[in-house]
Amino acid sequence: MDISIPLFSAPLLLAAAFIALGFLIYPLSARVGVMSMGAGSVIMGMVVLIDLPNGLAIESLVLFGFTVVVGLWMVYVGVKNG
């Protein structure tokens, strides 16, 4: 089985930027930091779910499905408490 990770994928770079920005902003505004990290997690999870490897379909669906759900929850908590 050959798994290739697209290092220069625009959505994955955007997700990494959101997560990094969330870590940097968190000391200043926890709400905005959590929302940014959650948005990055949702983007990353959705990119992987759209491009599931054939041999790891169920495992990837569970693992990255949780990533999307937790990311959406992080964004929801940030918006709700705003």
PDB file of N, CA and C in Angstrom:
ATOM      1  N   MET A   1       0.852  -1.169   0.000  1.00  0.00           N
ATOM      2  CA  MET A   1       0.000   0.000   0.000  1.00  0.00           C
ATOM      3  C   MET A   1       0.899   1.233   0.000  1.00  0.00           C
ATOM      4  N   ASP A   2       0.563   2.159  -0.861  1.00  0.00           N
ATOM      5  CA  ASP A   2       1.337   3.392  -0.997  1.00  0.00           C
ATOM      6  C   ASP A   2       0.461   4.575  -0.606  1.00  0.00           C
ATOM      7  N   ILE A   3       0.853   5.262   0.464  1.00  0.00           N
ATOM      8  CA  ILE A   3       0.107   6.432   0.916  1.00  0.00           C
ATOM      9  C   ILE A   3       0.951   7.658   0.611  1.00  0.00           C
ATOM     10  N   SER A   4       0.394   8.565  -0.154  1.00  0.00           N
ATOM     11  CA  SER A   4       1.117   9.797  -0.453  1.00  0.00           C
ATOM     12  C   SER A   4       0.411  10.969   0.204  1.00  0.00           C
ATOM     13  N   ILE A   5       1.183  11.793   0.869  1.00  0.00           N
ATOM     14  CA  ILE A   5       0.640  12.967   1.536  1.00  0.00           C
ATOM     15  C   ILE A   5       1.007  14.174   0.688  1.00  0.00           C
ATOM     16  N   PRO A   6       0.014  14.885   0.161  1.00  0.00           N
ATOM     17  CA  PRO A   6       0.313  16.048  -0.681  1.00  0.00           C
ATOM     18  C   PRO A   6       0.791  17.221   0.174  1.00  0.00           C
ATOM     19  N   LEU A   7       2.098  17.421   0.201  1.00  0.00           N
ATOM     20  CA  LEU A   7       2.668  18.450   1.069  1.00  0.00           C
ATOM     21  C   LEU A   7       2.344  19.862   0.610  1.00  0.00           C
ATOM     22  N   PHE A   8       2.055  20.045  -0.664  1.00  0.00           N
ATOM     23  CA  PHE A   8       1.783  21.381  -1.165  1.00  0.00           C
ATOM     24  C   PHE A   8       0.320  21.532  -1.572  1.00  0.00           C
ATOM     25  N   SER A   9      -0.551  20.826  -0.890  1.00  0.00           N
ATOM     26  CA  SER A   9      -1.974  20.939  -1.129  1.00  0.00           C
ATOM     27  C   SER A   9      -2.466  22.240  -0.488  1.00  0.00           C
ATOM     28  N   ALA A  10      -3.156  23.063  -1.260  1.00  0.00           N
ATOM     29  CA  ALA A  10      -3.626  24.355  -0.743  1.00  0.00           C
ATOM     30  C   ALA A  10      -4.568  24.202   0.453  1.00  0.00           C
ATOM     31  N   PRO A  11      -5.532  23.274   0.444  1.00  0.00           N
ATOM     32  CA  PRO A  11      -6.399  23.142   1.628  1.00  0.00           C
ATOM     33  C   PRO A  11      -5.640  22.685   2.878  1.00  0.00           C
ATOM     34  N   LEU A  12      -4.664  21.780   2.706  1.00  0.00           N
ATOM     35  CA  LEU A  12      -3.899  21.333   3.871  1.00  0.00           C
ATOM     36  C   LEU A  12      -2.988  22.435   4.403  1.00  0.00           C
ATOM     37  N   LEU A  13      -2.426  23.244   3.509  1.00  0.00           N
ATOM     38  CA  LEU A  13      -1.630  24.381   3.966  1.00  0.00           C
ATOM     39  C   LEU A  13      -2.507  25.402   4.680  1.00  0.00           C
ATOM     40  N   LEU A  14      -3.721  25.606   4.190  1.00  0.00           N
ATOM     41  CA  LEU A  14      -4.659  26.507   4.851  1.00  0.00           C
ATOM     42  C   LEU A  14      -5.029  25.973   6.235  1.00  0.00           C
ATOM     43  N   ALA A  15      -5.263  24.674   6.327  1.00  0.00           N
ATOM     44  CA  ALA A  15      -5.581  24.062   7.623  1.00  0.00           C
ATOM     45  C   ALA A  15      -4.418  24.231   8.599  1.00  0.00           C
ATOM     46  N   ALA A  16      -3.200  23.996   8.134  1.00  0.00           N
ATOM     47  CA  ALA A  16      -2.026  24.171   8.993  1.00  0.00           C
ATOM     48  C   ALA A  16      -1.877  25.627   9.439  1.00  0.00           C
ATOM     49  N   ALA A  17      -2.182  26.558   8.537  1.00  0.00           N
ATOM     50  CA  ALA A  17      -2.099  27.973   8.889  1.00  0.00           C
ATOM     51  C   ALA A  17      -3.134  28.335   9.952  1.00  0.00           C
ATOM     52  N   PHE A  18      -4.368  27.821   9.812  1.00  0.00           N
ATOM     53  CA  PHE A  18      -5.400  28.082  10.817  1.00  0.00           C
ATOM     54  C   PHE A  18      -5.008  27.517  12.183  1.00  0.00           C
ATOM     55  N   ILE A  19      -4.474  26.311  12.196  1.00  0.00           N
ATOM     56  CA  ILE A  19      -4.081  25.689  13.464  1.00  0.00           C
ATOM     57  C   ILE A  19      -2.923  26.452  14.100  1.00  0.00           C
ATOM     58  N   ALA A  20      -1.922  26.811  13.307  1.00  0.00           N
ATOM     59  CA  ALA A  20      -0.788  27.577  13.841  1.00  0.00           C
ATOM     60  C   ALA A  20      -1.232  28.946  14.329  1.00  0.00           C
ATOM     61  N   LEU A  21      -2.092  29.606  13.579  1.00  0.00           N
ATOM     62  CA  LEU A  21      -2.613  30.904  13.983  1.00  0.00           C
ATOM     63  C   LEU A  21      -3.400  30.774  15.288  1.00  0.00           C
ATOM     64  N   GLY A  22      -4.148  29.695  15.427  1.00  0.00           N
ATOM     65  CA  GLY A  22      -4.891  29.460  16.664  1.00  0.00           C
ATOM     66  C   GLY A  22      -3.979  29.337  17.866  1.00  0.00           C
ATOM     67  N   PHE A  23      -2.866  28.608  17.712  1.00  0.00           N
ATOM     68  CA  PHE A  23      -1.909  28.482  18.810  1.00  0.00           C
ATOM     69  C   PHE A  23      -1.275  29.823  19.161  1.00  0.00           C
ATOM     70  N   LEU A  24      -0.999  30.635  18.148  1.00  0.00           N
ATOM     71  CA  LEU A  24      -0.380  31.938  18.396  1.00  0.00           C
ATOM     72  C   LEU A  24      -1.352  32.936  19.016  1.00  0.00           C
ATOM     73  N   ILE A  25      -2.618  32.877  18.620  1.00  0.00           N
ATOM     74  CA  ILE A  25      -3.617  33.830  19.112  1.00  0.00           C
ATOM     75  C   ILE A  25      -4.163  33.427  20.479  1.00  0.00           C
ATOM     76  N   TYR A  26      -4.105  32.152  20.815  1.00  0.00           N
ATOM     77  CA  TYR A  26      -4.724  31.654  22.040  1.00  0.00           C
ATOM     78  C   TYR A  26      -4.366  32.451  23.300  1.00  0.00           C
ATOM     79  N   PRO A  27      -3.099  32.829  23.530  1.00  0.00           N
ATOM     80  CA  PRO A  27      -2.800  33.613  24.738  1.00  0.00           C
ATOM     81  C   PRO A  27      -3.503  34.977  24.768  1.00  0.00           C
ATOM     82  N   LEU A  28      -3.806  35.530  23.610  1.00  0.00           N
ATOM     83  CA  LEU A  28      -4.471  36.826  23.553  1.00  0.00           C
ATOM     84  C   LEU A  28      -5.984  36.700  23.633  1.00  0.00           C
ATOM     85  N   SER A  29      -6.542  35.728  22.928  1.00  0.00           N
ATOM     86  CA  SER A  29      -7.985  35.504  22.917  1.00  0.00           C
ATOM     87  C   SER A  29      -8.231  34.007  22.761  1.00  0.00           C
ATOM     88  N   ALA A  30      -8.591  33.378  23.870  1.00  0.00           N
ATOM     89  CA  ALA A  30      -8.801  31.930  23.845  1.00  0.00           C
ATOM     90  C   ALA A  30      -9.936  31.554  22.889  1.00  0.00           C
ATOM     91  N   ARG A  31     -10.984  32.360  22.836  1.00  0.00           N
ATOM     92  CA  ARG A  31     -12.135  32.049  21.987  1.00  0.00           C
ATOM     93  C   ARG A  31     -11.740  32.022  20.520  1.00  0.00           C
ATOM     94  N   VAL A  32     -11.037  33.051  20.065  1.00  0.00           N
ATOM     95  CA  VAL A  32     -10.624  33.111  18.657  1.00  0.00           C
ATOM     96  C   VAL A  32      -9.589  32.025  18.355  1.00  0.00           C
ATOM     97  N   GLY A  33      -8.709  31.751  19.293  1.00  0.00           N
ATOM     98  CA  GLY A  33      -7.718  30.695  19.101  1.00  0.00           C
ATOM     99  C   GLY A  33      -8.353  29.326  18.936  1.00  0.00           C
ATOM    100  N   VAL A  34      -9.333  29.021  19.779  1.00  0.00           N
ATOM    101  CA  VAL A  34     -10.020  27.730  19.694  1.00  0.00           C
ATOM    102  C   VAL A  34     -10.810  27.628  18.402  1.00  0.00           C
ATOM    103  N   MET A  35     -11.458  28.715  18.002  1.00  0.00           N
ATOM    104  CA  MET A  35     -12.205  28.698  16.746  1.00  0.00           C
ATOM    105  C   MET A  35     -11.273  28.475  15.558  1.00  0.00           C
ATOM    106  N   SER A  36     -10.103  29.098  15.577  1.00  0.00           N
ATOM    107  CA  SER A  36      -9.148  28.936  14.480  1.00  0.00           C
ATOM    108  C   SER A  36      -8.616  27.506  14.427  1.00  0.00           C
ATOM    109  N   MET A  37      -8.276  26.941  15.584  1.00  0.00           N
ATOM    110  CA  MET A  37      -7.800  25.561  15.606  1.00  0.00           C
ATOM    111  C   MET A  37      -8.895  24.593  15.166  1.00  0.00           C
ATOM    112  N   GLY A  38     -10.126  24.861  15.562  1.00  0.00           N
ATOM    113  CA  GLY A  38     -11.242  24.017  15.147  1.00  0.00           C
ATOM    114  C   GLY A  38     -11.481  24.076  13.650  1.00  0.00           C
ATOM    115  N   ALA A  39     -11.401  25.283  13.084  1.00  0.00           N
ATOM    116  CA  ALA A  39     -11.590  25.425  11.633  1.00  0.00           C
ATOM    117  C   ALA A  39     -10.489  24.681  10.873  1.00  0.00           C
ATOM    118  N   GLY A  40      -9.269  24.769  11.357  1.00  0.00           N
ATOM    119  CA  GLY A  40      -8.171  24.031  10.726  1.00  0.00           C
ATOM    120  C   GLY A  40      -8.370  22.527  10.811  1.00  0.00           C
ATOM    121  N   SER A  41      -8.874  22.057  11.944  1.00  0.00           N
ATOM    122  CA  SER A  41      -9.138  20.624  12.103  1.00  0.00           C
ATOM    123  C   SER A  41     -10.232  20.151  11.161  1.00  0.00           C
ATOM    124  N   VAL A  42     -11.271  20.957  11.006  1.00  0.00           N
ATOM    125  CA  VAL A  42     -12.364  20.592  10.093  1.00  0.00           C
ATOM    126  C   VAL A  42     -11.849  20.520   8.659  1.00  0.00           C
ATOM    127  N   ILE A  43     -11.079  21.508   8.237  1.00  0.00           N
ATOM    128  CA  ILE A  43     -10.543  21.513   6.867  1.00  0.00           C
ATOM    129  C   ILE A  43      -9.663  20.295   6.640  1.00  0.00           C
ATOM    130  N   MET A  44      -8.753  20.018   7.593  1.00  0.00           N
ATOM    131  CA  MET A  44      -7.848  18.888   7.444  1.00  0.00           C
ATOM    132  C   MET A  44      -8.612  17.575   7.392  1.00  0.00           C
ATOM    133  N   GLY A  45      -9.577  17.401   8.285  1.00  0.00           N
ATOM    134  CA  GLY A  45     -10.361  16.171   8.298  1.00  0.00           C
ATOM    135  C   GLY A  45     -11.162  15.975   7.027  1.00  0.00           C
ATOM    136  N   MET A  46     -11.754  17.049   6.526  1.00  0.00           N
ATOM    137  CA  MET A  46     -12.551  16.938   5.300  1.00  0.00           C
ATOM    138  C   MET A  46     -11.681  16.612   4.088  1.00  0.00           C
ATOM    139  N   VAL A  47     -10.494  17.195   4.011  1.00  0.00           N
ATOM    140  CA  VAL A  47      -9.588  16.898   2.893  1.00  0.00           C
ATOM    141  C   VAL A  47      -9.232  15.417   2.896  1.00  0.00           C
ATOM    142  N   VAL A  48      -8.941  14.874   4.072  1.00  0.00           N
ATOM    143  CA  VAL A  48      -8.580  13.457   4.151  1.00  0.00           C
ATOM    144  C   VAL A  48      -9.794  12.577   3.858  1.00  0.00           C
ATOM    145  N   LEU A  49     -10.964  12.936   4.362  1.00  0.00           N
ATOM    146  CA  LEU A  49     -12.157  12.119   4.116  1.00  0.00           C
ATOM    147  C   LEU A  49     -12.552  12.109   2.641  1.00  0.00           C
ATOM    148  N   ILE A  50     -12.311  13.203   1.950  1.00  0.00           N
ATOM    149  CA  ILE A  50     -12.625  13.246   0.525  1.00  0.00           C
ATOM    150  C   ILE A  50     -11.684  12.351  -0.267  1.00  0.00           C
ATOM    151  N   ASP A  51     -10.462  12.169   0.219  1.00  0.00           N
ATOM    152  CA  ASP A  51      -9.432  11.421  -0.495  1.00  0.00           C
ATOM    153  C   ASP A  51      -9.004  10.184   0.293  1.00  0.00           C
ATOM    154  N   LEU A  52      -9.962   9.347   0.733  1.00  0.00           N
ATOM    155  CA  LEU A  52      -9.651   8.186   1.559  1.00  0.00           C
ATOM    156  C   LEU A  52      -8.818   7.154   0.801  1.00  0.00           C
ATOM    157  N   PRO A  53      -7.769   6.621   1.446  1.00  0.00           N
ATOM    158  CA  PRO A  53      -7.030   5.520   0.821  1.00  0.00           C
ATOM    159  C   PRO A  53      -7.882   4.252   0.794  1.00  0.00           C
ATOM    160  N   ASN A  54      -7.693   3.424  -0.221  1.00  0.00           N
ATOM    161  CA  ASN A  54      -8.514   2.223  -0.381  1.00  0.00           C
ATOM    162  C   ASN A  54      -8.363   1.234   0.773  1.00  0.00           C
ATOM    163  N   GLY A  55      -7.151   1.006   1.242  1.00  0.00           N
ATOM    164  CA  GLY A  55      -6.934   0.004   2.280  1.00  0.00           C
ATOM    165  C   GLY A  55      -7.295   0.472   3.675  1.00  0.00           C
ATOM    166  N   LEU A  56      -7.464   1.751   3.885  1.00  0.00           N
ATOM    167  CA  LEU A  56      -7.713   2.276   5.224  1.00  0.00           C
ATOM    168  C   LEU A  56      -9.044   3.020   5.321  1.00  0.00           C
ATOM    169  N   ALA A  57     -10.030   2.620   4.559  1.00  0.00           N
ATOM    170  CA  ALA A  57     -11.281   3.381   4.484  1.00  0.00           C
ATOM    171  C   ALA A  57     -11.986   3.483   5.827  1.00  0.00           C
ATOM    172  N   ILE A  58     -12.225   2.371   6.512  1.00  0.00           N
ATOM    173  CA  ILE A  58     -12.976   2.412   7.769  1.00  0.00           C
ATOM    174  C   ILE A  58     -12.168   3.089   8.862  1.00  0.00           C
ATOM    175  N   GLU A  59     -10.894   2.764   8.963  1.00  0.00           N
ATOM    176  CA  GLU A  59     -10.058   3.370   9.997  1.00  0.00           C
ATOM    177  C   GLU A  59      -9.941   4.878   9.791  1.00  0.00           C
ATOM    178  N   SER A  60      -9.734   5.293   8.561  1.00  0.00           N
ATOM    179  CA  SER A  60      -9.626   6.721   8.267  1.00  0.00           C
ATOM    180  C   SER A  60     -10.947   7.431   8.499  1.00  0.00           C
ATOM    181  N   LEU A  61     -12.040   6.777   8.156  1.00  0.00           N
ATOM    182  CA  LEU A  61     -13.354   7.380   8.356  1.00  0.00           C
ATOM    183  C   LEU A  61     -13.606   7.650   9.838  1.00  0.00           C
ATOM    184  N   VAL A  62     -13.247   6.691  10.687  1.00  0.00           N
ATOM    185  CA  VAL A  62     -13.442   6.869  12.127  1.00  0.00           C
ATOM    186  C   VAL A  62     -12.503   7.943  12.669  1.00  0.00           C
ATOM    187  N   LEU A  63     -11.222   7.832  12.364  1.00  0.00           N
ATOM    188  CA  LEU A  63     -10.233   8.754  12.917  1.00  0.00           C
ATOM    189  C   LEU A  63     -10.464  10.191  12.453  1.00  0.00           C
ATOM    190  N   PHE A  64     -10.602  10.391  11.167  1.00  0.00           N
ATOM    191  CA  PHE A  64     -10.759  11.753  10.662  1.00  0.00           C
ATOM    192  C   PHE A  64     -12.202  12.238  10.771  1.00  0.00           C
ATOM    193  N   GLY A  65     -13.154  11.314  10.915  1.00  0.00           N
ATOM    194  CA  GLY A  65     -14.517  11.711  11.235  1.00  0.00           C
ATOM    195  C   GLY A  65     -14.570  12.353  12.611  1.00  0.00           C
ATOM    196  N   PHE A  66     -13.846  11.762  13.575  1.00  0.00           N
ATOM    197  CA  PHE A  66     -13.746  12.374  14.904  1.00  0.00           C
ATOM    198  C   PHE A  66     -13.077  13.735  14.825  1.00  0.00           C
ATOM    199  N   THR A  67     -12.082  13.865  13.970  1.00  0.00           N
ATOM    200  CA  THR A  67     -11.394  15.150  13.808  1.00  0.00           C
ATOM    201  C   THR A  67     -12.358  16.228  13.328  1.00  0.00           C
ATOM    202  N   VAL A  68     -13.199  15.884  12.364  1.00  0.00           N
ATOM    203  CA  VAL A  68     -14.176  16.851  11.855  1.00  0.00           C
ATOM    204  C   VAL A  68     -15.201  17.197  12.933  1.00  0.00           C
ATOM    205  N   VAL A  69     -15.696  16.193  13.645  1.00  0.00           N
ATOM    206  CA  VAL A  69     -16.707  16.432  14.683  1.00  0.00           C
ATOM    207  C   VAL A  69     -16.138  17.297  15.806  1.00  0.00           C
ATOM    208  N   VAL A  70     -14.939  16.984  16.265  1.00  0.00           N
ATOM    209  CA  VAL A  70     -14.327  17.772  17.343  1.00  0.00           C
ATOM    210  C   VAL A  70     -14.015  19.187  16.858  1.00  0.00           C
ATOM    211  N   GLY A  71     -13.557  19.333  15.623  1.00  0.00           N
ATOM    212  CA  GLY A  71     -13.301  20.669  15.074  1.00  0.00           C
ATOM    213  C   GLY A  71     -14.570  21.497  14.996  1.00  0.00           C
ATOM    214  N   LEU A  72     -15.663  20.883  14.542  1.00  0.00           N
ATOM    215  CA  LEU A  72     -16.947  21.595  14.503  1.00  0.00           C
ATOM    216  C   LEU A  72     -17.409  21.972  15.908  1.00  0.00           C
ATOM    217  N   TRP A  73     -17.177  21.093  16.868  1.00  0.00           N
ATOM    218  CA  TRP A  73     -17.533  21.383  18.255  1.00  0.00           C
ATOM    219  C   TRP A  73     -16.713  22.564  18.787  1.00  0.00           C
ATOM    220  N   MET A  74     -15.421  22.612  18.449  1.00  0.00           N
ATOM    221  CA  MET A  74     -14.576  23.726  18.886  1.00  0.00           C
ATOM    222  C   MET A  74     -15.075  25.051  18.309  1.00  0.00           C
ATOM    223  N   VAL A  75     -15.433  25.047  17.047  1.00  0.00           N
ATOM    224  CA  VAL A  75     -15.956  26.269  16.422  1.00  0.00           C
ATOM    225  C   VAL A  75     -17.290  26.643  17.065  1.00  0.00           C
ATOM    226  N   TYR A  76     -18.153  25.671  17.308  1.00  0.00           N
ATOM    227  CA  TYR A  76     -19.453  25.923  17.926  1.00  0.00           C
ATOM    228  C   TYR A  76     -19.292  26.541  19.312  1.00  0.00           C
ATOM    229  N   VAL A  77     -18.395  25.986  20.120  1.00  0.00           N
ATOM    230  CA  VAL A  77     -18.174  26.524  21.467  1.00  0.00           C
ATOM    231  C   VAL A  77     -17.638  27.943  21.399  1.00  0.00           C
ATOM    232  N   GLY A  78     -16.729  28.209  20.465  1.00  0.00           N
ATOM    233  CA  GLY A  78     -16.194  29.559  20.319  1.00  0.00           C
ATOM    234  C   GLY A  78     -17.238  30.565  19.891  1.00  0.00           C
ATOM    235  N   VAL A  79     -18.120  30.179  18.986  1.00  0.00           N
ATOM    236  CA  VAL A  79     -19.171  31.084  18.510  1.00  0.00           C
ATOM    237  C   VAL A  79     -20.231  31.272  19.589  1.00  0.00           C
ATOM    238  N   LYS A  80     -20.579  30.200  20.267  1.00  0.00           N
ATOM    239  CA  LYS A  80     -21.634  30.247  21.284  1.00  0.00           C
ATOM    240  C   LYS A  80     -21.239  31.132  22.469  1.00  0.00           C
ATOM    241  N   ASN A  81     -19.996  31.070  22.869  1.00  0.00           N
ATOM    242  CA  ASN A  81     -19.535  31.841  24.021  1.00  0.00           C
ATOM    243  C   ASN A  81     -19.075  33.234  23.659  1.00  0.00           C
ATOM    244  N   GLY A  82     -19.250  33.634  22.412  1.00  0.00           N
ATOM    245  CA  GLY A  82     -18.764  34.923  21.946  1.00  0.00           C
ATOM    246  C   GLY A  82     -19.659  36.067  22.279  1.00  0.00           C
TER     247      GLY A  82
END
